[in-house]
Amino acid sequence: MPFRKVFGFEKWPVTVLTLGCYLAVIVASLVSYELLPSPPKHAAQKPDDGLDLNSAWSDLQTVSRKGFQDQDP
């Protein structure tokens, strides 16, 4: 078969290519959903571990109010 016949914009090559793309996305989604480990249920967290939401909210309000200015150290 010539190259244009196999990869041309005809009914069956486009259908096979589209189904292949959909299949690749679905398989990748299922693999990542089924195989990725879940976070630990009883993690020993110290008070300084994680995100300080109060400080983050305060920073967001400051940046929103004043605008972000990049400061060189």
PDB file of N, CA and C in Angstrom:
ATOM      1  N   MET A   1       0.834  -1.186   0.000  1.00  0.00           N
ATOM      2  CA  MET A   1       0.000   0.000   0.000  1.00  0.00           C
ATOM      3  C   MET A   1       0.875   1.244   0.000  1.00  0.00           C
ATOM      4  N   PRO A   2       0.492   2.207  -0.779  1.00  0.00           N
ATOM      5  CA  PRO A   2       1.255   3.456  -0.770  1.00  0.00           C
ATOM      6  C   PRO A   2       1.042   4.214   0.539  1.00  0.00           C
ATOM      7  N   PHE A   3       1.983   5.090   0.819  1.00  0.00           N
ATOM      8  CA  PHE A   3       1.969   5.868   2.057  1.00  0.00           C
ATOM      9  C   PHE A   3       0.690   6.698   2.189  1.00  0.00           C
ATOM     10  N   ARG A   4       0.256   7.324   1.106  1.00  0.00           N
ATOM     11  CA  ARG A   4      -0.946   8.164   1.153  1.00  0.00           C
ATOM     12  C   ARG A   4      -2.207   7.357   1.434  1.00  0.00           C
ATOM     13  N   LYS A   5      -2.233   6.129   0.982  1.00  0.00           N
ATOM     14  CA  LYS A   5      -3.415   5.299   1.182  1.00  0.00           C
ATOM     15  C   LYS A   5      -3.543   4.880   2.657  1.00  0.00           C
ATOM     16  N   VAL A   6      -2.399   4.615   3.291  1.00  0.00           N
ATOM     17  CA  VAL A   6      -2.413   4.178   4.683  1.00  0.00           C
ATOM     18  C   VAL A   6      -2.674   5.347   5.630  1.00  0.00           C
ATOM     19  N   PHE A   7      -2.018   6.488   5.409  1.00  0.00           N
ATOM     20  CA  PHE A   7      -2.102   7.620   6.331  1.00  0.00           C
ATOM     21  C   PHE A   7      -2.913   8.786   5.780  1.00  0.00           C
ATOM     22  N   GLY A   8      -3.686   8.572   4.746  1.00  0.00           N
ATOM     23  CA  GLY A   8      -4.504   9.632   4.168  1.00  0.00           C
ATOM     24  C   GLY A   8      -5.731   9.909   5.011  1.00  0.00           C
ATOM     25  N   PHE A   9      -6.379  11.015   4.716  1.00  0.00           N
ATOM     26  CA  PHE A   9      -7.588  11.381   5.450  1.00  0.00           C
ATOM     27  C   PHE A   9      -8.791  10.672   4.834  1.00  0.00           C
ATOM     28  N   GLU A  10      -8.828   9.393   5.041  1.00  0.00           N
ATOM     29  CA  GLU A  10      -9.956   8.600   4.592  1.00  0.00           C
ATOM     30  C   GLU A  10     -10.657   8.037   5.819  1.00  0.00           C
ATOM     31  N   LYS A  11     -11.752   7.355   5.590  1.00  0.00           N
ATOM     32  CA  LYS A  11     -12.610   6.917   6.686  1.00  0.00           C
ATOM     33  C   LYS A  11     -11.901   5.992   7.674  1.00  0.00           C
ATOM     34  N   TRP A  12     -11.303   4.919   7.214  1.00  0.00           N
ATOM     35  CA  TRP A  12     -10.752   3.919   8.126  1.00  0.00           C
ATOM     36  C   TRP A  12      -9.448   4.339   8.795  1.00  0.00           C
ATOM     37  N   PRO A  13      -8.502   4.944   8.100  1.00  0.00           N
ATOM     38  CA  PRO A  13      -7.292   5.370   8.823  1.00  0.00           C
ATOM     39  C   PRO A  13      -7.578   6.393   9.923  1.00  0.00           C
ATOM     40  N   VAL A  14      -8.488   7.327   9.651  1.00  0.00           N
ATOM     41  CA  VAL A  14      -8.840   8.332  10.669  1.00  0.00           C
ATOM     42  C   VAL A  14      -9.568   7.672  11.834  1.00  0.00           C
ATOM     43  N   THR A  15     -10.430   6.728  11.547  1.00  0.00           N
ATOM     44  CA  THR A  15     -11.154   6.020  12.611  1.00  0.00           C
ATOM     45  C   THR A  15     -10.194   5.235  13.488  1.00  0.00           C
ATOM     46  N   VAL A  16      -9.269   4.529  12.882  1.00  0.00           N
ATOM     47  CA  VAL A  16      -8.296   3.738  13.647  1.00  0.00           C
ATOM     48  C   VAL A  16      -7.395   4.649  14.470  1.00  0.00           C
ATOM     49  N   LEU A  17      -6.940   5.752  13.884  1.00  0.00           N
ATOM     50  CA  LEU A  17      -6.086   6.688  14.617  1.00  0.00           C
ATOM     51  C   LEU A  17      -6.835   7.311  15.791  1.00  0.00           C
ATOM     52  N   THR A  18      -8.089   7.695  15.584  1.00  0.00           N
ATOM     53  CA  THR A  18      -8.888   8.286  16.659  1.00  0.00           C
ATOM     54  C   THR A  18      -9.139   7.276  17.778  1.00  0.00           C
ATOM     55  N   LEU A  19      -9.500   6.068  17.416  1.00  0.00           N
ATOM     56  CA  LEU A  19      -9.720   5.038  18.432  1.00  0.00           C
ATOM     57  C   LEU A  19      -8.428   4.722  19.192  1.00  0.00           C
ATOM     58  N   GLY A  20      -7.315   4.729  18.498  1.00  0.00           N
ATOM     59  CA  GLY A  20      -6.028   4.500  19.162  1.00  0.00           C
ATOM     60  C   GLY A  20      -5.704   5.588  20.169  1.00  0.00           C
ATOM     61  N   CYS A  21      -5.978   6.832  19.801  1.00  0.00           N
ATOM     62  CA  CYS A  21      -5.730   7.945  20.735  1.00  0.00           C
ATOM     63  C   CYS A  21      -6.641   7.858  21.959  1.00  0.00           C
ATOM     64  N   TYR A  22      -7.924   7.600  21.728  1.00  0.00           N
ATOM     65  CA  TYR A  22      -8.851   7.447  22.850  1.00  0.00           C
ATOM     66  C   TYR A  22      -8.445   6.276  23.750  1.00  0.00           C
ATOM     67  N   LEU A  23      -8.063   5.185  23.137  1.00  0.00           N
ATOM     68  CA  LEU A  23      -7.647   4.018  23.909  1.00  0.00           C
ATOM     69  C   LEU A  23      -6.403   4.319  24.736  1.00  0.00           C
ATOM     70  N   ALA A  24      -5.448   5.046  24.161  1.00  0.00           N
ATOM     71  CA  ALA A  24      -4.231   5.402  24.893  1.00  0.00           C
ATOM     72  C   ALA A  24      -4.554   6.278  26.104  1.00  0.00           C
ATOM     73  N   VAL A  25      -5.446   7.242  25.937  1.00  0.00           N
ATOM     74  CA  VAL A  25      -5.823   8.120  27.053  1.00  0.00           C
ATOM     75  C   VAL A  25      -6.552   7.338  28.138  1.00  0.00           C
ATOM     76  N   ILE A  26      -7.474   6.482  27.742  1.00  0.00           N
ATOM     77  CA  ILE A  26      -8.234   5.703  28.723  1.00  0.00           C
ATOM     78  C   ILE A  26      -7.334   4.731  29.474  1.00  0.00           C
ATOM     79  N   VAL A  27      -6.446   4.055  28.763  1.00  0.00           N
ATOM     80  CA  VAL A  27      -5.535   3.106  29.424  1.00  0.00           C
ATOM     81  C   VAL A  27      -4.595   3.847  30.373  1.00  0.00           C
ATOM     82  N   ALA A  28      -4.063   4.981  29.950  1.00  0.00           N
ATOM     83  CA  ALA A  28      -3.179   5.751  30.833  1.00  0.00           C
ATOM     84  C   ALA A  28      -3.918   6.225  32.079  1.00  0.00           C
ATOM     85  N   SER A  29      -5.163   6.640  31.920  1.00  0.00           N
ATOM     86  CA  SER A  29      -5.952   7.083  33.076  1.00  0.00           C
ATOM     87  C   SER A  29      -6.222   5.926  34.034  1.00  0.00           C
ATOM     88  N   LEU A  30      -6.593   4.787  33.492  1.00  0.00           N
ATOM     89  CA  LEU A  30      -6.860   3.634  34.348  1.00  0.00           C
ATOM     90  C   LEU A  30      -5.605   3.146  35.062  1.00  0.00           C
ATOM     91  N   VAL A  31      -4.488   3.127  34.370  1.00  0.00           N
ATOM     92  CA  VAL A  31      -3.238   2.679  34.995  1.00  0.00           C
ATOM     93  C   VAL A  31      -2.846   3.617  36.127  1.00  0.00           C
ATOM     94  N   SER A  32      -2.932   4.926  35.888  1.00  0.00           N
ATOM     95  CA  SER A  32      -2.550   5.855  36.951  1.00  0.00           C
ATOM     96  C   SER A  32      -3.531   5.798  38.116  1.00  0.00           C
ATOM     97  N   TYR A  33      -4.803   5.532  37.854  1.00  0.00           N
ATOM     98  CA  TYR A  33      -5.791   5.434  38.923  1.00  0.00           C
ATOM     99  C   TYR A  33      -5.602   4.164  39.750  1.00  0.00           C
ATOM    100  N   GLU A  34      -5.297   3.070  39.091  1.00  0.00           N
ATOM    101  CA  GLU A  34      -5.202   1.785  39.773  1.00  0.00           C
ATOM    102  C   GLU A  34      -3.840   1.539  40.418  1.00  0.00           C
ATOM    103  N   LEU A  35      -2.776   2.085  39.875  1.00  0.00           N
ATOM    104  CA  LEU A  35      -1.445   1.714  40.332  1.00  0.00           C
ATOM    105  C   LEU A  35      -0.769   2.730  41.240  1.00  0.00           C
ATOM    106  N   LEU A  36      -1.210   3.972  41.237  1.00  0.00           N
ATOM    107  CA  LEU A  36      -0.564   4.957  42.099  1.00  0.00           C
ATOM    108  C   LEU A  36      -0.935   4.692  43.553  1.00  0.00           C
ATOM    109  N   PRO A  37       0.027   4.780  44.450  1.00  0.00           N
ATOM    110  CA  PRO A  37      -0.279   4.504  45.859  1.00  0.00           C
ATOM    111  C   PRO A  37      -1.108   5.629  46.470  1.00  0.00           C
ATOM    112  N   SER A  38      -1.911   5.254  47.440  1.00  0.00           N
ATOM    113  CA  SER A  38      -2.702   6.260  48.141  1.00  0.00           C
ATOM    114  C   SER A  38      -1.860   6.857  49.261  1.00  0.00           C
ATOM    115  N   PRO A  39      -2.205   8.044  49.717  1.00  0.00           N
ATOM    116  CA  PRO A  39      -1.434   8.650  50.803  1.00  0.00           C
ATOM    117  C   PRO A  39      -1.627   7.860  52.093  1.00  0.00           C
ATOM    118  N   PRO A  40      -0.661   7.925  52.993  1.00  0.00           N
ATOM    119  CA  PRO A  40      -0.803   7.192  54.251  1.00  0.00           C
ATOM    120  C   PRO A  40      -1.992   7.722  55.061  1.00  0.00           C
ATOM    121  N   LYS A  41      -2.685   6.811  55.739  1.00  0.00           N
ATOM    122  CA  LYS A  41      -3.871   7.206  56.485  1.00  0.00           C
ATOM    123  C   LYS A  41      -3.533   7.807  57.844  1.00  0.00           C
ATOM    124  N   HIS A  42      -2.506   7.301  58.485  1.00  0.00           N
ATOM    125  CA  HIS A  42      -2.140   7.780  59.812  1.00  0.00           C
ATOM    126  C   HIS A  42      -0.739   8.363  59.771  1.00  0.00           C
ATOM    127  N   ALA A  43      -0.599   9.471  59.094  1.00  0.00           N
ATOM    128  CA  ALA A  43       0.710  10.114  59.001  1.00  0.00           C
ATOM    129  C   ALA A  43       0.950  10.923  60.272  1.00  0.00           C
ATOM    130  N   ALA A  44       2.098  10.751  60.845  1.00  0.00           N
ATOM    131  CA  ALA A  44       2.459  11.524  62.032  1.00  0.00           C
ATOM    132  C   ALA A  44       2.903  12.907  61.565  1.00  0.00           C
ATOM    133  N   GLN A  45       2.059  13.901  61.804  1.00  0.00           N
ATOM    134  CA  GLN A  45       2.378  15.248  61.361  1.00  0.00           C
ATOM    135  C   GLN A  45       2.723  16.118  62.560  1.00  0.00           C
ATOM    136  N   LYS A  46       3.801  16.834  62.404  1.00  0.00           N
ATOM    137  CA  LYS A  46       4.166  17.825  63.395  1.00  0.00           C
ATOM    138  C   LYS A  46       3.457  19.128  63.045  1.00  0.00           C
ATOM    139  N   PRO A  47       3.332  20.048  63.974  1.00  0.00           N
ATOM    140  CA  PRO A  47       2.626  21.295  63.683  1.00  0.00           C
ATOM    141  C   PRO A  47       3.231  22.089  62.527  1.00  0.00           C
ATOM    142  N   ASP A  48       4.555  22.010  62.322  1.00  0.00           N
ATOM    143  CA  ASP A  48       5.156  22.796  61.251  1.00  0.00           C
ATOM    144  C   ASP A  48       5.183  22.057  59.918  1.00  0.00           C
ATOM    145  N   ASP A  49       4.648  20.855  59.846  1.00  0.00           N
ATOM    146  CA  ASP A  49       4.565  20.145  58.579  1.00  0.00           C
ATOM    147  C   ASP A  49       3.359  20.649  57.796  1.00  0.00           C
ATOM    148  N   GLY A  50       3.480  20.681  56.500  1.00  0.00           N
ATOM    149  CA  GLY A  50       2.338  21.024  55.674  1.00  0.00           C
ATOM    150  C   GLY A  50       2.245  22.501  55.368  1.00  0.00           C
ATOM    151  N   LEU A  51       1.088  22.910  54.943  1.00  0.00           N
ATOM    152  CA  LEU A  51       0.845  24.260  54.477  1.00  0.00           C
ATOM    153  C   LEU A  51       0.150  25.068  55.562  1.00  0.00           C
ATOM    154  N   ASP A  52       0.666  26.254  55.827  1.00  0.00           N
ATOM    155  CA  ASP A  52       0.035  27.163  56.782  1.00  0.00           C
ATOM    156  C   ASP A  52      -1.002  27.986  56.024  1.00  0.00           C
ATOM    157  N   LEU A  53      -2.259  27.593  56.137  1.00  0.00           N
ATOM    158  CA  LEU A  53      -3.311  28.232  55.364  1.00  0.00           C
ATOM    159  C   LEU A  53      -3.540  29.689  55.755  1.00  0.00           C
ATOM    160  N   ASN A  54      -3.392  30.003  57.015  1.00  0.00           N
ATOM    161  CA  ASN A  54      -3.577  31.393  57.451  1.00  0.00           C
ATOM    162  C   ASN A  54      -2.531  32.301  56.826  1.00  0.00           C
ATOM    163  N   SER A  55      -1.290  31.857  56.829  1.00  0.00           N
ATOM    164  CA  SER A  55      -0.221  32.646  56.221  1.00  0.00           C
ATOM    165  C   SER A  55      -0.389  32.739  54.704  1.00  0.00           C
ATOM    166  N   ALA A  56      -0.787  31.652  54.084  1.00  0.00           N
ATOM    167  CA  ALA A  56      -1.002  31.661  52.639  1.00  0.00           C
ATOM    168  C   ALA A  56      -2.134  32.608  52.267  1.00  0.00           C
ATOM    169  N   TRP A  57      -3.219  32.608  53.035  1.00  0.00           N
ATOM    170  CA  TRP A  57      -4.346  33.502  52.765  1.00  0.00           C
ATOM    171  C   TRP A  57      -3.941  34.962  52.944  1.00  0.00           C
ATOM    172  N   SER A  58      -3.165  35.230  53.982  1.00  0.00           N
ATOM    173  CA  SER A  58      -2.680  36.584  54.217  1.00  0.00           C
ATOM    174  C   SER A  58      -1.779  37.050  53.069  1.00  0.00           C
ATOM    175  N   ASP A  59      -0.890  36.178  52.611  1.00  0.00           N
ATOM    176  CA  ASP A  59      -0.019  36.516  51.479  1.00  0.00           C
ATOM    177  C   ASP A  59      -0.834  36.784  50.220  1.00  0.00           C
ATOM    178  N   LEU A  60      -1.863  35.980  49.984  1.00  0.00           N
ATOM    179  CA  LEU A  60      -2.707  36.156  48.808  1.00  0.00           C
ATOM    180  C   LEU A  60      -3.440  37.489  48.857  1.00  0.00           C
ATOM    181  N   GLN A  61      -3.932  37.844  50.028  1.00  0.00           N
ATOM    182  CA  GLN A  61      -4.623  39.131  50.154  1.00  0.00           C
ATOM    183  C   GLN A  61      -3.658  40.295  49.944  1.00  0.00           C
ATOM    184  N   THR A  62      -2.448  40.185  50.446  1.00  0.00           N
ATOM    185  CA  THR A  62      -1.448  41.232  50.274  1.00  0.00           C
ATOM    186  C   THR A  62      -1.082  41.398  48.809  1.00  0.00           C
ATOM    187  N   VAL A  63      -0.850  40.294  48.136  1.00  0.00           N
ATOM    188  CA  VAL A  63      -0.493  40.356  46.720  1.00  0.00           C
ATOM    189  C   VAL A  63      -1.651  40.898  45.899  1.00  0.00           C
ATOM    190  N   SER A  64      -2.878  40.508  46.241  1.00  0.00           N
ATOM    191  CA  SER A  64      -4.042  40.990  45.501  1.00  0.00           C
ATOM    192  C   SER A  64      -4.255  42.485  45.715  1.00  0.00           C
ATOM    193  N   ARG A  65      -3.993  42.946  46.909  1.00  0.00           N
ATOM    194  CA  ARG A  65      -4.216  44.348  47.234  1.00  0.00           C
ATOM    195  C   ARG A  65      -3.152  45.236  46.595  1.00  0.00           C
ATOM    196  N   LYS A  66      -1.893  44.857  46.753  1.00  0.00           N
ATOM    197  CA  LYS A  66      -0.790  45.704  46.305  1.00  0.00           C
ATOM    198  C   LYS A  66      -0.317  45.388  44.895  1.00  0.00           C
ATOM    199  N   GLY A  67      -0.594  44.201  44.421  1.00  0.00           N
ATOM    200  CA  GLY A  67      -0.036  43.775  43.148  1.00  0.00           C
ATOM    201  C   GLY A  67       1.315  43.132  43.402  1.00  0.00           C
ATOM    202  N   PHE A  68       1.710  42.256  42.530  1.00  0.00           N
ATOM    203  CA  PHE A  68       2.961  41.534  42.721  1.00  0.00           C
ATOM    204  C   PHE A  68       4.097  42.323  42.117  1.00  0.00           C
ATOM    205  N   GLN A  69       5.117  42.603  42.934  1.00  0.00           N
ATOM    206  CA  GLN A  69       6.315  43.248  42.449  1.00  0.00           C
ATOM    207  C   GLN A  69       7.485  42.330  42.736  1.00  0.00           C
ATOM    208  N   ASP A  70       8.147  41.926  41.697  1.00  0.00           N
ATOM    209  CA  ASP A  70       9.296  41.040  41.849  1.00  0.00           C
ATOM    210  C   ASP A  70      10.438  41.810  42.495  1.00  0.00           C
ATOM    211  N   GLN A  71      10.910  41.335  43.615  1.00  0.00           N
ATOM    212  CA  GLN A  71      11.985  42.012  44.323  1.00  0.00           C
ATOM    213  C   GLN A  71      13.234  41.165  44.240  1.00  0.00           C
ATOM    214  N   ASP A  72      14.285  41.765  43.766  1.00  0.00           N
ATOM    215  CA  ASP A  72      15.562  41.050  43.713  1.00  0.00           C
ATOM    216  C   ASP A  72      16.202  41.061  45.076  1.00  0.00           C
ATOM    217  N   PRO A  73      16.731  39.913  45.510  1.00  0.00           N
ATOM    218  CA  PRO A  73      17.354  39.888  46.847  1.00  0.00           C
ATOM    219  C   PRO A  73      18.654  40.628  46.886  1.00  0.00           C
TER     220      PRO A  73
END
